Amino acid sequence: MTVATATKPATAPRKRRTRKVTVKPVAKKTATPKAVKTTTPRRPSAAKLISPNRYWSDIKARWSIHSYEITMLTSDLTKLNKWVRQFTN
C-alpha cells in the first residue's frame, strides 16, 4: 500500500511591499549677504621679536638636529638593506 503525502497547494510567490517614501517639503531660505571682515596682518611689537644673534643660533641648532636625524635615517636604512639582503641571497 502506498503512503499518501501531504502536498502544499500551489501558490503564487509572495509579493513584497514597496517602501513608502515620505517627502518633506523644503522651506526656501533666502540668502542674506554677510558682511565680510577683512583684517590686515599687524606686525608684532618689537618686544616680542628675537634678536638676529638669537635667530642665527636657533637656525644652527635646528640644522644640527636635522643633520643628526638624516644621519640616523641613513644608518637605519643601511641596517634595513642588510636585513633584507639576507633573504634574497
PDB file of N, CA and C in Angstrom:
ATOM      1  N   MET A   1       0.825  -1.156   0.000  1.00  0.00           N
ATOM      2  CA  MET A   1       0.000   0.000   0.000  1.00  0.00           C
ATOM      3  C   MET A   1       0.886   1.242   0.000  1.00  0.00           C
ATOM      4  N   THR A   2       0.473   2.238  -0.694  1.00  0.00           N
ATOM      5  CA  THR A   2       1.280   3.448  -0.792  1.00  0.00           C
ATOM      6  C   THR A   2       0.850   4.443   0.272  1.00  0.00           C
ATOM      7  N   VAL A   3       1.808   5.204   0.714  1.00  0.00           N
ATOM      8  CA  VAL A   3       1.538   6.189   1.760  1.00  0.00           C
ATOM      9  C   VAL A   3       1.262   7.531   1.088  1.00  0.00           C
ATOM     10  N   ALA A   4       0.187   8.136   1.468  1.00  0.00           N
ATOM     11  CA  ALA A   4      -0.161   9.434   0.890  1.00  0.00           C
ATOM     12  C   ALA A   4       0.646  10.537   1.594  1.00  0.00           C
ATOM     13  N   THR A   5       1.220  11.420   0.828  1.00  0.00           N
ATOM     14  CA  THR A   5       1.980  12.529   1.404  1.00  0.00           C
ATOM     15  C   THR A   5       1.182  13.806   1.232  1.00  0.00           C
ATOM     16  N   ALA A   6       1.275  14.618   2.220  1.00  0.00           N
ATOM     17  CA  ALA A   6       0.558  15.890   2.147  1.00  0.00           C
ATOM     18  C   ALA A   6       1.356  16.846   1.280  1.00  0.00           C
ATOM     19  N   THR A   7       0.717  17.442   0.319  1.00  0.00           N
ATOM     20  CA  THR A   7       1.382  18.408  -0.556  1.00  0.00           C
ATOM     21  C   THR A   7       0.755  19.769  -0.347  1.00  0.00           C
ATOM     22  N   LYS A   8       1.573  20.775  -0.449  1.00  0.00           N
ATOM     23  CA  LYS A   8       1.084  22.142  -0.302  1.00  0.00           C
ATOM     24  C   LYS A   8       0.397  22.545  -1.597  1.00  0.00           C
ATOM     25  N   PRO A   9      -0.665  23.298  -1.478  1.00  0.00           N
ATOM     26  CA  PRO A   9      -1.286  23.771  -2.702  1.00  0.00           C
ATOM     27  C   PRO A   9      -0.374  24.779  -3.387  1.00  0.00           C
ATOM     28  N   ALA A  10      -0.378  24.795  -4.698  1.00  0.00           N
ATOM     29  CA  ALA A  10       0.476  25.707  -5.457  1.00  0.00           C
ATOM     30  C   ALA A  10      -0.012  27.137  -5.252  1.00  0.00           C
ATOM     31  N   THR A  11       0.885  28.009  -4.765  1.00  0.00           N
ATOM     32  CA  THR A  11       0.527  29.409  -4.544  1.00  0.00           C
ATOM     33  C   THR A  11       1.506  30.279  -5.303  1.00  0.00           C
ATOM     34  N   ALA A  12       1.053  31.491  -5.588  1.00  0.00           N
ATOM     35  CA  ALA A  12       1.918  32.451  -6.278  1.00  0.00           C
ATOM     36  C   ALA A  12       2.989  32.933  -5.312  1.00  0.00           C
ATOM     37  N   PRO A  13       4.147  33.345  -5.828  1.00  0.00           N
ATOM     38  CA  PRO A  13       5.180  33.849  -4.920  1.00  0.00           C
ATOM     39  C   PRO A  13       4.674  35.087  -4.168  1.00  0.00           C
ATOM     40  N   ARG A  14       5.151  35.217  -2.986  1.00  0.00           N
ATOM     41  CA  ARG A  14       4.714  36.286  -2.105  1.00  0.00           C
ATOM     42  C   ARG A  14       5.164  37.640  -2.634  1.00  0.00           C
ATOM     43  N   LYS A  15       4.258  38.621  -2.634  1.00  0.00           N
ATOM     44  CA  LYS A  15       4.613  39.965  -3.079  1.00  0.00           C
ATOM     45  C   LYS A  15       5.214  40.722  -1.907  1.00  0.00           C
ATOM     46  N   ARG A  16       6.243  41.471  -2.197  1.00  0.00           N
ATOM     47  CA  ARG A  16       6.868  42.287  -1.163  1.00  0.00           C
ATOM     48  C   ARG A  16       6.344  43.696  -1.266  1.00  0.00           C
ATOM     49  N   ARG A  17       6.130  44.302  -0.122  1.00  0.00           N
ATOM     50  CA  ARG A  17       5.636  45.679  -0.115  1.00  0.00           C
ATOM     51  C   ARG A  17       6.756  46.627  -0.486  1.00  0.00           C
ATOM     52  N   THR A  18       6.393  47.612  -1.253  1.00  0.00           N
ATOM     53  CA  THR A  18       7.390  48.625  -1.583  1.00  0.00           C
ATOM     54  C   THR A  18       7.477  49.613  -0.438  1.00  0.00           C
ATOM     55  N   ARG A  19       8.632  50.154  -0.253  1.00  0.00           N
ATOM     56  CA  ARG A  19       8.847  51.099   0.835  1.00  0.00           C
ATOM     57  C   ARG A  19       8.192  52.420   0.478  1.00  0.00           C
ATOM     58  N   LYS A  20       7.432  52.942   1.422  1.00  0.00           N
ATOM     59  CA  LYS A  20       6.785  54.220   1.193  1.00  0.00           C
ATOM     60  C   LYS A  20       7.792  55.327   1.441  1.00  0.00           C
ATOM     61  N   VAL A  21       7.847  56.230   0.497  1.00  0.00           N
ATOM     62  CA  VAL A  21       8.784  57.331   0.608  1.00  0.00           C
ATOM     63  C   VAL A  21       8.015  58.557   1.051  1.00  0.00           C
ATOM     64  N   THR A  22       8.459  59.141   2.149  1.00  0.00           N
ATOM     65  CA  THR A  22       7.810  60.361   2.605  1.00  0.00           C
ATOM     66  C   THR A  22       8.682  61.529   2.193  1.00  0.00           C
ATOM     67  N   VAL A  23       8.066  62.470   1.523  1.00  0.00           N
ATOM     68  CA  VAL A  23       8.797  63.631   1.039  1.00  0.00           C
ATOM     69  C   VAL A  23       8.469  64.800   1.955  1.00  0.00           C
ATOM     70  N   LYS A  24       9.508  65.353   2.542  1.00  0.00           N
ATOM     71  CA  LYS A  24       9.321  66.512   3.418  1.00  0.00           C
ATOM     72  C   LYS A  24       9.492  67.767   2.587  1.00  0.00           C
ATOM     73  N   PRO A  25       8.578  68.689   2.716  1.00  0.00           N
ATOM     74  CA  PRO A  25       8.739  69.933   1.955  1.00  0.00           C
ATOM     75  C   PRO A  25       9.922  70.728   2.492  1.00  0.00           C
ATOM     76  N   VAL A  26      10.691  71.276   1.587  1.00  0.00           N
ATOM     77  CA  VAL A  26      11.871  72.036   1.951  1.00  0.00           C
ATOM     78  C   VAL A  26      11.504  73.512   1.949  1.00  0.00           C
ATOM     79  N   ALA A  27      11.745  74.147   3.078  1.00  0.00           N
ATOM     80  CA  ALA A  27      11.442  75.568   3.157  1.00  0.00           C
ATOM     81  C   ALA A  27      12.529  76.338   2.426  1.00  0.00           C
ATOM     82  N   LYS A  28      12.115  77.264   1.599  1.00  0.00           N
ATOM     83  CA  LYS A  28      13.088  78.049   0.845  1.00  0.00           C
ATOM     84  C   LYS A  28      13.681  79.121   1.758  1.00  0.00           C
ATOM     85  N   LYS A  29      14.978  79.193   1.753  1.00  0.00           N
ATOM     86  CA  LYS A  29      15.676  80.181   2.562  1.00  0.00           C
ATOM     87  C   LYS A  29      16.249  81.225   1.630  1.00  0.00           C
ATOM     88  N   THR A  30      16.097  82.427   2.011  1.00  0.00           N
ATOM     89  CA  THR A  30      16.674  83.492   1.203  1.00  0.00           C
ATOM     90  C   THR A  30      18.074  83.769   1.729  1.00  0.00           C
ATOM     91  N   ALA A  31      18.995  83.887   0.835  1.00  0.00           N
ATOM     92  CA  ALA A  31      20.385  84.132   1.211  1.00  0.00           C
ATOM     93  C   ALA A  31      20.548  85.603   1.542  1.00  0.00           C
ATOM     94  N   THR A  32      21.045  85.839   2.745  1.00  0.00           N
ATOM     95  CA  THR A  32      21.311  87.217   3.137  1.00  0.00           C
ATOM     96  C   THR A  32      22.801  87.441   3.040  1.00  0.00           C
ATOM     97  N   PRO A  33      23.199  88.497   2.390  1.00  0.00           N
ATOM     98  CA  PRO A  33      24.640  88.746   2.270  1.00  0.00           C
ATOM     99  C   PRO A  33      25.232  89.089   3.637  1.00  0.00           C
ATOM    100  N   LYS A  34      26.328  88.419   3.947  1.00  0.00           N
ATOM    101  CA  LYS A  34      27.006  88.659   5.214  1.00  0.00           C
ATOM    102  C   LYS A  34      28.153  89.625   4.988  1.00  0.00           C
ATOM    103  N   ALA A  35      28.366  90.448   5.964  1.00  0.00           N
ATOM    104  CA  ALA A  35      29.470  91.396   5.883  1.00  0.00           C
ATOM    105  C   ALA A  35      30.774  90.637   6.141  1.00  0.00           C
ATOM    106  N   VAL A  36      31.711  90.771   5.246  1.00  0.00           N
ATOM    107  CA  VAL A  36      32.983  90.086   5.367  1.00  0.00           C
ATOM    108  C   VAL A  36      33.980  91.028   6.028  1.00  0.00           C
ATOM    109  N   LYS A  37      34.538  90.535   7.125  1.00  0.00           N
ATOM    110  CA  LYS A  37      35.537  91.344   7.825  1.00  0.00           C
ATOM    111  C   LYS A  37      36.904  91.053   7.233  1.00  0.00           C
ATOM    112  N   THR A  38      37.583  92.071   6.853  1.00  0.00           N
ATOM    113  CA  THR A  38      38.942  91.905   6.352  1.00  0.00           C
ATOM    114  C   THR A  38      39.894  92.495   7.374  1.00  0.00           C
ATOM    115  N   THR A  39      40.824  91.673   7.781  1.00  0.00           N
ATOM    116  CA  THR A  39      41.813  92.139   8.743  1.00  0.00           C
ATOM    117  C   THR A  39      43.173  92.112   8.078  1.00  0.00           C
ATOM    118  N   THR A  40      43.887  93.141   8.247  1.00  0.00           N
ATOM    119  CA  THR A  40      45.238  93.188   7.700  1.00  0.00           C
ATOM    120  C   THR A  40      46.192  92.693   8.766  1.00  0.00           C
ATOM    121  N   PRO A  41      47.188  91.909   8.378  1.00  0.00           N
ATOM    122  CA  PRO A  41      48.133  91.412   9.373  1.00  0.00           C
ATOM    123  C   PRO A  41      48.911  92.562   9.998  1.00  0.00           C
ATOM    124  N   ARG A  42      49.052  92.476  11.314  1.00  0.00           N
ATOM    125  CA  ARG A  42      49.786  93.520  12.025  1.00  0.00           C
ATOM    126  C   ARG A  42      51.150  93.002  12.439  1.00  0.00           C
ATOM    127  N   ARG A  43      52.114  93.848  12.415  1.00  0.00           N
ATOM    128  CA  ARG A  43      53.467  93.497  12.832  1.00  0.00           C
ATOM    129  C   ARG A  43      53.497  93.370  14.345  1.00  0.00           C
ATOM    130  N   PRO A  44      54.096  92.294  14.849  1.00  0.00           N
ATOM    131  CA  PRO A  44      54.186  92.157  16.306  1.00  0.00           C
ATOM    132  C   PRO A  44      55.067  93.247  16.890  1.00  0.00           C
ATOM    133  N   SER A  45      54.835  93.494  18.127  1.00  0.00           N
ATOM    134  CA  SER A  45      55.621  94.551  18.757  1.00  0.00           C
ATOM    135  C   SER A  45      57.088  94.148  18.813  1.00  0.00           C
ATOM    136  N   ALA A  46      57.954  95.123  18.909  1.00  0.00           N
ATOM    137  CA  ALA A  46      59.396  94.876  18.917  1.00  0.00           C
ATOM    138  C   ALA A  46      59.815  94.099  20.154  1.00  0.00           C
ATOM    139  N   ALA A  47      59.026  94.154  21.214  1.00  0.00           N
ATOM    140  CA  ALA A  47      59.376  93.447  22.442  1.00  0.00           C
ATOM    141  C   ALA A  47      59.288  91.934  22.246  1.00  0.00           C
ATOM    142  N   LYS A  48      58.457  91.468  21.324  1.00  0.00           N
ATOM    143  CA  LYS A  48      58.274  90.031  21.121  1.00  0.00           C
ATOM    144  C   LYS A  48      59.250  89.438  20.112  1.00  0.00           C
ATOM    145  N   LEU A  49      59.919  90.248  19.330  1.00  0.00           N
ATOM    146  CA  LEU A  49      60.850  89.750  18.328  1.00  0.00           C
ATOM    147  C   LEU A  49      62.155  89.319  18.980  1.00  0.00           C
ATOM    148  N   ILE A  50      62.808  88.301  18.385  1.00  0.00           N
ATOM    149  CA  ILE A  50      64.094  87.874  18.920  1.00  0.00           C
ATOM    150  C   ILE A  50      65.200  88.586  18.149  1.00  0.00           C
ATOM    151  N   SER A  51      66.337  88.653  18.779  1.00  0.00           N
ATOM    152  CA  SER A  51      67.457  89.360  18.167  1.00  0.00           C
ATOM    153  C   SER A  51      68.035  88.534  17.020  1.00  0.00           C
ATOM    154  N   PRO A  52      68.732  89.179  16.082  1.00  0.00           N
ATOM    155  CA  PRO A  52      69.341  88.432  14.974  1.00  0.00           C
ATOM    156  C   PRO A  52      70.343  87.362  15.442  1.00  0.00           C
ATOM    157  N   ASN A  53      71.097  87.641  16.506  1.00  0.00           N
ATOM    158  CA  ASN A  53      72.054  86.647  17.011  1.00  0.00           C
ATOM    159  C   ASN A  53      71.333  85.411  17.543  1.00  0.00           C
ATOM    160  N   ARG A  54      70.247  85.648  18.264  1.00  0.00           N
ATOM    161  CA  ARG A  54      69.481  84.526  18.795  1.00  0.00           C
ATOM    162  C   ARG A  54      68.817  83.748  17.657  1.00  0.00           C
ATOM    163  N   TYR A  55      68.361  84.460  16.654  1.00  0.00           N
ATOM    164  CA  TYR A  55      67.759  83.824  15.483  1.00  0.00           C
ATOM    165  C   TYR A  55      68.784  82.944  14.768  1.00  0.00           C
ATOM    166  N   TRP A  56      69.989  83.456  14.608  1.00  0.00           N
ATOM    167  CA  TRP A  56      71.052  82.700  13.943  1.00  0.00           C
ATOM    168  C   TRP A  56      71.422  81.456  14.745  1.00  0.00           C
ATOM    169  N   SER A  57      71.491  81.579  16.067  1.00  0.00           N
ATOM    170  CA  SER A  57      71.815  80.408  16.896  1.00  0.00           C
ATOM    171  C   SER A  57      70.683  79.377  16.838  1.00  0.00           C
ATOM    172  N   ASP A  58      69.446  79.841  16.705  1.00  0.00           N
ATOM    173  CA  ASP A  58      68.320  78.924  16.562  1.00  0.00           C
ATOM    174  C   ASP A  58      68.422  78.157  15.239  1.00  0.00           C
ATOM    175  N   ILE A  59      68.798  78.839  14.177  1.00  0.00           N
ATOM    176  CA  ILE A  59      68.979  78.191  12.872  1.00  0.00           C
ATOM    177  C   ILE A  59      70.067  77.124  12.959  1.00  0.00           C
ATOM    178  N   LYS A  60      71.181  77.464  13.626  1.00  0.00           N
ATOM    179  CA  LYS A  60      72.272  76.494  13.778  1.00  0.00           C
ATOM    180  C   LYS A  60      71.811  75.261  14.543  1.00  0.00           C
ATOM    181  N   ALA A  61      71.047  75.475  15.628  1.00  0.00           N
ATOM    182  CA  ALA A  61      70.569  74.347  16.436  1.00  0.00           C
ATOM    183  C   ALA A  61      69.621  73.470  15.622  1.00  0.00           C
ATOM    184  N   ARG A  62      68.725  74.085  14.876  1.00  0.00           N
ATOM    185  CA  ARG A  62      67.790  73.307  14.056  1.00  0.00           C
ATOM    186  C   ARG A  62      68.521  72.533  12.966  1.00  0.00           C
ATOM    187  N   TRP A  63      69.539  73.149  12.368  1.00  0.00           N
ATOM    188  CA  TRP A  63      70.299  72.464  11.321  1.00  0.00           C
ATOM    189  C   TRP A  63      71.062  71.277  11.880  1.00  0.00           C
ATOM    190  N   SER A  64      71.618  71.415  13.088  1.00  0.00           N
ATOM    191  CA  SER A  64      72.349  70.292  13.675  1.00  0.00           C
ATOM    192  C   SER A  64      71.387  69.143  14.010  1.00  0.00           C
ATOM    193  N   ILE A  65      70.167  69.472  14.461  1.00  0.00           N
ATOM    194  CA  ILE A  65      69.176  68.433  14.719  1.00  0.00           C
ATOM    195  C   ILE A  65      68.803  67.737  13.408  1.00  0.00           C
ATOM    196  N   HIS A  66      68.627  68.525  12.354  1.00  0.00           N
ATOM    197  CA  HIS A  66      68.296  67.966  11.042  1.00  0.00           C
ATOM    198  C   HIS A  66      69.407  67.040  10.551  1.00  0.00           C
ATOM    199  N   SER A  67      70.638  67.456  10.696  1.00  0.00           N
ATOM    200  CA  SER A  67      71.774  66.643  10.256  1.00  0.00           C
ATOM    201  C   SER A  67      71.838  65.327  11.027  1.00  0.00           C
ATOM    202  N   TYR A  68      71.601  65.390  12.340  1.00  0.00           N
ATOM    203  CA  TYR A  68      71.610  64.182  13.168  1.00  0.00           C
ATOM    204  C   TYR A  68      70.509  63.225  12.717  1.00  0.00           C
ATOM    205  N   GLU A  69      69.306  63.752  12.486  1.00  0.00           N
ATOM    206  CA  GLU A  69      68.189  62.899  12.072  1.00  0.00           C
ATOM    207  C   GLU A  69      68.455  62.242  10.716  1.00  0.00           C
ATOM    208  N   ILE A  70      69.046  62.986   9.788  1.00  0.00           N
ATOM    209  CA  ILE A  70      69.372  62.413   8.479  1.00  0.00           C
ATOM    210  C   ILE A  70      70.436  61.324   8.622  1.00  0.00           C
ATOM    211  N   THR A  71      71.413  61.538   9.491  1.00  0.00           N
ATOM    212  CA  THR A  71      72.450  60.536   9.731  1.00  0.00           C
ATOM    213  C   THR A  71      71.829  59.257  10.298  1.00  0.00           C
ATOM    214  N   MET A  72      70.920  59.402  11.256  1.00  0.00           N
ATOM    215  CA  MET A  72      70.272  58.238  11.848  1.00  0.00           C
ATOM    216  C   MET A  72      69.369  57.537  10.832  1.00  0.00           C
ATOM    217  N   LEU A  73      68.705  58.296   9.969  1.00  0.00           N
ATOM    218  CA  LEU A  73      67.879  57.697   8.917  1.00  0.00           C
ATOM    219  C   LEU A  73      68.740  56.866   7.971  1.00  0.00           C
ATOM    220  N   THR A  74      69.885  57.412   7.585  1.00  0.00           N
ATOM    221  CA  THR A  74      70.802  56.684   6.704  1.00  0.00           C
ATOM    222  C   THR A  74      71.269  55.394   7.373  1.00  0.00           C
ATOM    223  N   SER A  75      71.569  55.479   8.660  1.00  0.00           N
ATOM    224  CA  SER A  75      72.009  54.305   9.401  1.00  0.00           C
ATOM    225  C   SER A  75      70.905  53.239   9.431  1.00  0.00           C
ATOM    226  N   ASP A  76      69.670  53.668   9.702  1.00  0.00           N
ATOM    227  CA  ASP A  76      68.559  52.713   9.759  1.00  0.00           C
ATOM    228  C   ASP A  76      68.290  52.088   8.396  1.00  0.00           C
ATOM    229  N   LEU A  77      68.372  52.871   7.351  1.00  0.00           N
ATOM    230  CA  LEU A  77      68.142  52.327   6.010  1.00  0.00           C
ATOM    231  C   LEU A  77      69.237  51.338   5.621  1.00  0.00           C
ATOM    232  N   THR A  78      70.467  51.597   6.056  1.00  0.00           N
ATOM    233  CA  THR A  78      71.566  50.668   5.791  1.00  0.00           C
ATOM    234  C   THR A  78      71.317  49.341   6.504  1.00  0.00           C
ATOM    235  N   LYS A  79      70.873  49.422   7.766  1.00  0.00           N
ATOM    236  CA  LYS A  79      70.561  48.202   8.515  1.00  0.00           C
ATOM    237  C   LYS A  79      69.410  47.442   7.861  1.00  0.00           C
ATOM    238  N   LEU A  80      68.407  48.155   7.390  1.00  0.00           N
ATOM    239  CA  LEU A  80      67.278  47.523   6.715  1.00  0.00           C
ATOM    240  C   LEU A  80      67.736  46.830   5.444  1.00  0.00           C
ATOM    241  N   ASN A  81      68.618  47.471   4.697  1.00  0.00           N
ATOM    242  CA  ASN A  81      69.137  46.896   3.464  1.00  0.00           C
ATOM    243  C   ASN A  81      69.878  45.593   3.751  1.00  0.00           C
ATOM    244  N   LYS A  82      70.712  45.593   4.796  1.00  0.00           N
ATOM    245  CA  LYS A  82      71.442  44.377   5.153  1.00  0.00           C
ATOM    246  C   LYS A  82      70.480  43.273   5.558  1.00  0.00           C
ATOM    247  N   TRP A  83      69.433  43.619   6.314  1.00  0.00           N
ATOM    248  CA  TRP A  83      68.472  42.625   6.786  1.00  0.00           C
ATOM    249  C   TRP A  83      67.687  42.027   5.634  1.00  0.00           C
ATOM    250  N   VAL A  84      67.288  42.844   4.674  1.00  0.00           N
ATOM    251  CA  VAL A  84      66.501  42.354   3.533  1.00  0.00           C
ATOM    252  C   VAL A  84      67.380  41.510   2.622  1.00  0.00           C
ATOM    253  N   ARG A  85      68.634  41.886   2.436  1.00  0.00           N
ATOM    254  CA  ARG A  85      69.521  41.147   1.546  1.00  0.00           C
ATOM    255  C   ARG A  85      69.808  39.733   2.027  1.00  0.00           C
ATOM    256  N   GLN A  86      69.707  39.498   3.323  1.00  0.00           N
ATOM    257  CA  GLN A  86      69.965  38.135   3.809  1.00  0.00           C
ATOM    258  C   GLN A  86      68.914  37.151   3.319  1.00  0.00           C
ATOM    259  N   PHE A  87      67.725  37.648   2.960  1.00  0.00           N
ATOM    260  CA  PHE A  87      66.666  36.763   2.458  1.00  0.00           C
ATOM    261  C   PHE A  87      66.733  36.606   0.939  1.00  0.00           C
ATOM    262  N   THR A  88      67.438  37.476   0.260  1.00  0.00           N
ATOM    263  CA  THR A  88      67.475  37.401  -1.208  1.00  0.00           C
ATOM    264  C   THR A  88      68.642  36.568  -1.708  1.00  0.00           C
ATOM    265  N   ASN A  89      69.675  36.375  -0.900  1.00  0.00           N
ATOM    266  CA  ASN A  89      70.845  35.609  -1.354  1.00  0.00           C
ATOM    267  C   ASN A  89      70.720  34.153  -1.038  1.00  0.00           C
TER     268      ASN A  89
END
